[in-house]
């Protein structure tokens, strides 16, 4: 369910080049930043890059781009 919220002009403008580079809409880019920010807050011992890689890996699994790894 979508909810309307007010965002600062500066935040929306800052999101535009990132959204374009990542092929996202501006609202989706801001949602992405919010998810990463929440994950950083929830996992203070992890670096933001590790969190981004973990989020990406989870999405790759959902679309079948992951394979199992043997720890032999």
N, C-alpha and C. Protein backbone atom coordinates (compact mmCIF):
# COMPACT_ATOMS: atom_id res chain seq x y z
N UNK A 1 0.84 -1.17 0.00
CA UNK A 1 0.00 0.00 0.00
C UNK A 1 0.89 1.24 0.00
N UNK A 2 0.66 2.12 -0.91
CA UNK A 2 1.43 3.35 -0.99
C UNK A 2 0.88 4.38 -0.01
N UNK A 3 1.79 5.19 0.51
CA UNK A 3 1.43 6.25 1.44
C UNK A 3 2.12 7.53 0.97
N UNK A 4 1.40 8.61 0.92
CA UNK A 4 1.99 9.89 0.51
C UNK A 4 2.71 10.52 1.70
N UNK A 5 3.95 10.95 1.47
CA UNK A 5 4.72 11.65 2.49
C UNK A 5 5.40 12.86 1.86
N UNK A 6 5.72 13.83 2.69
CA UNK A 6 6.44 15.01 2.20
C UNK A 6 7.93 14.78 2.39
N UNK A 7 8.69 15.04 1.33
CA UNK A 7 10.14 14.93 1.37
C UNK A 7 10.73 16.28 1.00
N UNK A 8 11.91 16.54 1.49
CA UNK A 8 12.54 17.81 1.16
C UNK A 8 12.92 17.84 -0.32
N UNK A 9 12.89 19.01 -0.88
CA UNK A 9 13.29 19.22 -2.26
C UNK A 9 14.72 18.72 -2.45
N UNK A 10 15.59 19.01 -1.49
CA UNK A 10 17.00 18.64 -1.58
C UNK A 10 17.17 17.12 -1.67
N UNK A 11 16.40 16.37 -0.87
CA UNK A 11 16.51 14.91 -0.91
C UNK A 11 16.06 14.37 -2.26
N UNK A 12 14.95 14.88 -2.76
CA UNK A 12 14.44 14.42 -4.05
C UNK A 12 15.45 14.74 -5.16
N UNK A 13 16.00 15.93 -5.16
CA UNK A 13 16.99 16.31 -6.17
C UNK A 13 18.26 15.46 -6.05
N UNK A 14 18.68 15.17 -4.84
CA UNK A 14 19.88 14.34 -4.63
C UNK A 14 19.65 12.92 -5.13
N UNK A 15 18.43 12.43 -5.05
CA UNK A 15 18.11 11.07 -5.47
C UNK A 15 18.07 10.90 -6.99
N UNK A 16 17.82 11.97 -7.72
CA UNK A 16 17.63 11.86 -9.17
C UNK A 16 18.80 11.23 -9.92
N UNK A 17 20.05 11.68 -9.72
CA UNK A 17 21.13 11.04 -10.47
C UNK A 17 21.37 9.59 -10.07
N UNK A 18 21.18 9.28 -8.79
CA UNK A 18 21.34 7.89 -8.34
C UNK A 18 20.26 7.01 -8.94
N UNK A 19 19.03 7.54 -8.97
CA UNK A 19 17.92 6.79 -9.56
C UNK A 19 18.18 6.50 -11.02
N UNK A 20 18.65 7.50 -11.75
CA UNK A 20 18.92 7.31 -13.17
C UNK A 20 20.03 6.29 -13.38
N UNK A 21 21.07 6.37 -12.57
CA UNK A 21 22.20 5.45 -12.72
C UNK A 21 21.82 4.01 -12.40
N UNK A 22 20.89 3.83 -11.48
CA UNK A 22 20.47 2.50 -11.05
C UNK A 22 19.19 2.04 -11.74
N UNK A 23 18.68 2.82 -12.69
CA UNK A 23 17.45 2.49 -13.42
C UNK A 23 16.27 2.29 -12.47
N UNK A 24 16.17 3.21 -11.51
CA UNK A 24 15.04 3.20 -10.57
C UNK A 24 14.30 4.52 -10.72
N UNK A 25 13.07 4.53 -10.27
CA UNK A 25 12.37 5.80 -10.16
C UNK A 25 12.92 6.53 -8.93
N UNK A 26 12.67 7.82 -8.84
CA UNK A 26 13.14 8.57 -7.67
C UNK A 26 12.52 8.03 -6.38
N UNK A 27 11.21 7.76 -6.34
CA UNK A 27 10.66 7.18 -5.10
C UNK A 27 11.30 5.83 -4.74
N UNK A 28 11.55 4.99 -5.74
CA UNK A 28 12.20 3.70 -5.47
C UNK A 28 13.63 3.88 -4.96
N UNK A 29 14.31 4.90 -5.47
CA UNK A 29 15.67 5.17 -5.01
C UNK A 29 15.64 5.58 -3.54
N UNK A 30 14.71 6.42 -3.17
CA UNK A 30 14.60 6.86 -1.78
C UNK A 30 14.21 5.68 -0.89
N UNK A 31 13.33 4.80 -1.37
CA UNK A 31 13.00 3.59 -0.62
C UNK A 31 14.24 2.72 -0.43
N UNK A 32 15.05 2.60 -1.48
CA UNK A 32 16.29 1.82 -1.40
C UNK A 32 17.21 2.40 -0.32
N UNK A 33 17.40 3.71 -0.35
CA UNK A 33 18.22 4.35 0.68
C UNK A 33 17.66 4.09 2.08
N UNK A 34 16.35 4.14 2.21
CA UNK A 34 15.72 3.90 3.52
C UNK A 34 15.96 2.47 3.98
N UNK A 35 15.85 1.50 3.07
CA UNK A 35 16.10 0.09 3.45
C UNK A 35 17.55 -0.11 3.88
N UNK A 36 18.49 0.49 3.13
CA UNK A 36 19.90 0.35 3.49
C UNK A 36 20.16 1.04 4.82
N UNK A 37 19.61 2.22 5.00
CA UNK A 37 19.78 2.93 6.27
C UNK A 37 19.23 2.16 7.45
N UNK A 38 18.07 1.54 7.28
CA UNK A 38 17.50 0.72 8.35
C UNK A 38 18.39 -0.48 8.64
N UNK A 39 18.89 -1.12 7.60
CA UNK A 39 19.77 -2.27 7.78
C UNK A 39 21.06 -1.88 8.50
N UNK A 40 21.59 -0.70 8.19
CA UNK A 40 22.80 -0.22 8.87
C UNK A 40 22.51 0.02 10.35
N UNK A 41 21.36 0.61 10.63
CA UNK A 41 20.97 0.86 12.02
C UNK A 41 20.76 -0.46 12.77
N UNK A 42 20.14 -1.43 12.11
CA UNK A 42 19.87 -2.72 12.73
C UNK A 42 21.11 -3.59 12.90
N UNK A 43 22.16 -3.32 12.13
CA UNK A 43 23.38 -4.15 12.13
C UNK A 43 24.62 -3.26 12.26
N UNK A 44 24.83 -2.66 13.42
CA UNK A 44 25.92 -1.69 13.55
C UNK A 44 27.32 -2.29 13.38
N UNK A 45 27.47 -3.59 13.48
CA UNK A 45 28.79 -4.21 13.33
C UNK A 45 29.14 -4.52 11.88
N UNK A 46 28.18 -4.33 10.98
CA UNK A 46 28.42 -4.60 9.56
C UNK A 46 28.67 -3.29 8.82
N UNK A 47 29.57 -3.34 7.84
CA UNK A 47 29.81 -2.14 7.03
C UNK A 47 28.64 -1.93 6.07
N UNK A 48 28.40 -0.69 5.68
CA UNK A 48 27.32 -0.45 4.71
C UNK A 48 27.52 -1.25 3.41
N UNK A 49 28.75 -1.41 2.97
CA UNK A 49 29.02 -2.17 1.73
C UNK A 49 28.64 -3.64 1.90
N UNK A 50 28.96 -4.22 3.06
CA UNK A 50 28.58 -5.61 3.32
C UNK A 50 27.07 -5.75 3.34
N UNK A 51 26.40 -4.78 3.90
CA UNK A 51 24.93 -4.81 3.93
C UNK A 51 24.37 -4.71 2.51
N UNK A 52 24.92 -3.82 1.70
CA UNK A 52 24.46 -3.71 0.30
C UNK A 52 24.68 -5.02 -0.44
N UNK A 53 25.84 -5.63 -0.25
CA UNK A 53 26.12 -6.91 -0.92
C UNK A 53 25.17 -8.00 -0.45
N UNK A 54 24.83 -7.99 0.83
CA UNK A 54 23.89 -8.98 1.37
C UNK A 54 22.50 -8.78 0.79
N UNK A 55 22.05 -7.53 0.70
CA UNK A 55 20.75 -7.23 0.10
C UNK A 55 20.73 -7.68 -1.36
N UNK A 56 21.80 -7.39 -2.09
CA UNK A 56 21.89 -7.81 -3.49
C UNK A 56 21.85 -9.33 -3.60
N UNK A 57 22.58 -10.01 -2.75
CA UNK A 57 22.61 -11.48 -2.78
C UNK A 57 21.23 -12.07 -2.54
N UNK A 58 20.49 -11.50 -1.61
CA UNK A 58 19.14 -11.99 -1.34
C UNK A 58 18.25 -11.83 -2.57
N UNK A 59 18.39 -10.71 -3.27
CA UNK A 59 17.58 -10.50 -4.47
C UNK A 59 18.02 -11.44 -5.59
N UNK A 60 19.31 -11.73 -5.69
CA UNK A 60 19.79 -12.67 -6.71
C UNK A 60 19.22 -14.06 -6.46
N UNK A 61 19.12 -14.45 -5.21
CA UNK A 61 18.54 -15.75 -4.87
C UNK A 61 17.07 -15.80 -5.32
N UNK A 62 16.35 -14.72 -5.07
CA UNK A 62 14.92 -14.67 -5.43
C UNK A 62 14.69 -14.89 -6.92
N UNK A 63 15.61 -14.41 -7.76
CA UNK A 63 15.42 -14.53 -9.21
C UNK A 63 16.23 -15.67 -9.82
N UNK A 64 16.80 -16.52 -8.96
CA UNK A 64 17.48 -17.71 -9.46
C UNK A 64 18.89 -17.50 -9.97
N UNK A 65 19.56 -16.44 -9.56
CA UNK A 65 20.92 -16.17 -10.02
C UNK A 65 22.00 -16.68 -9.06
N UNK A 66 21.61 -17.40 -8.04
CA UNK A 66 22.58 -17.91 -7.07
C UNK A 66 22.76 -19.41 -7.24
N UNK A 67 23.93 -19.89 -6.86
CA UNK A 67 24.18 -21.33 -6.87
C UNK A 67 24.78 -21.72 -5.53
N UNK A 68 24.64 -22.98 -5.19
CA UNK A 68 25.16 -23.45 -3.91
C UNK A 68 26.68 -23.55 -3.96
N UNK A 69 27.28 -23.51 -2.80
CA UNK A 69 28.74 -23.57 -2.68
C UNK A 69 29.09 -24.69 -1.72
N UNK A 70 30.03 -25.55 -2.13
CA UNK A 70 30.49 -26.64 -1.27
C UNK A 70 31.71 -26.20 -0.48
N UNK A 71 31.69 -26.39 0.82
CA UNK A 71 32.79 -26.03 1.69
C UNK A 71 33.69 -27.23 1.95
N UNK A 72 34.01 -28.00 0.94
CA UNK A 72 34.86 -29.20 1.14
C UNK A 72 36.28 -28.88 1.43
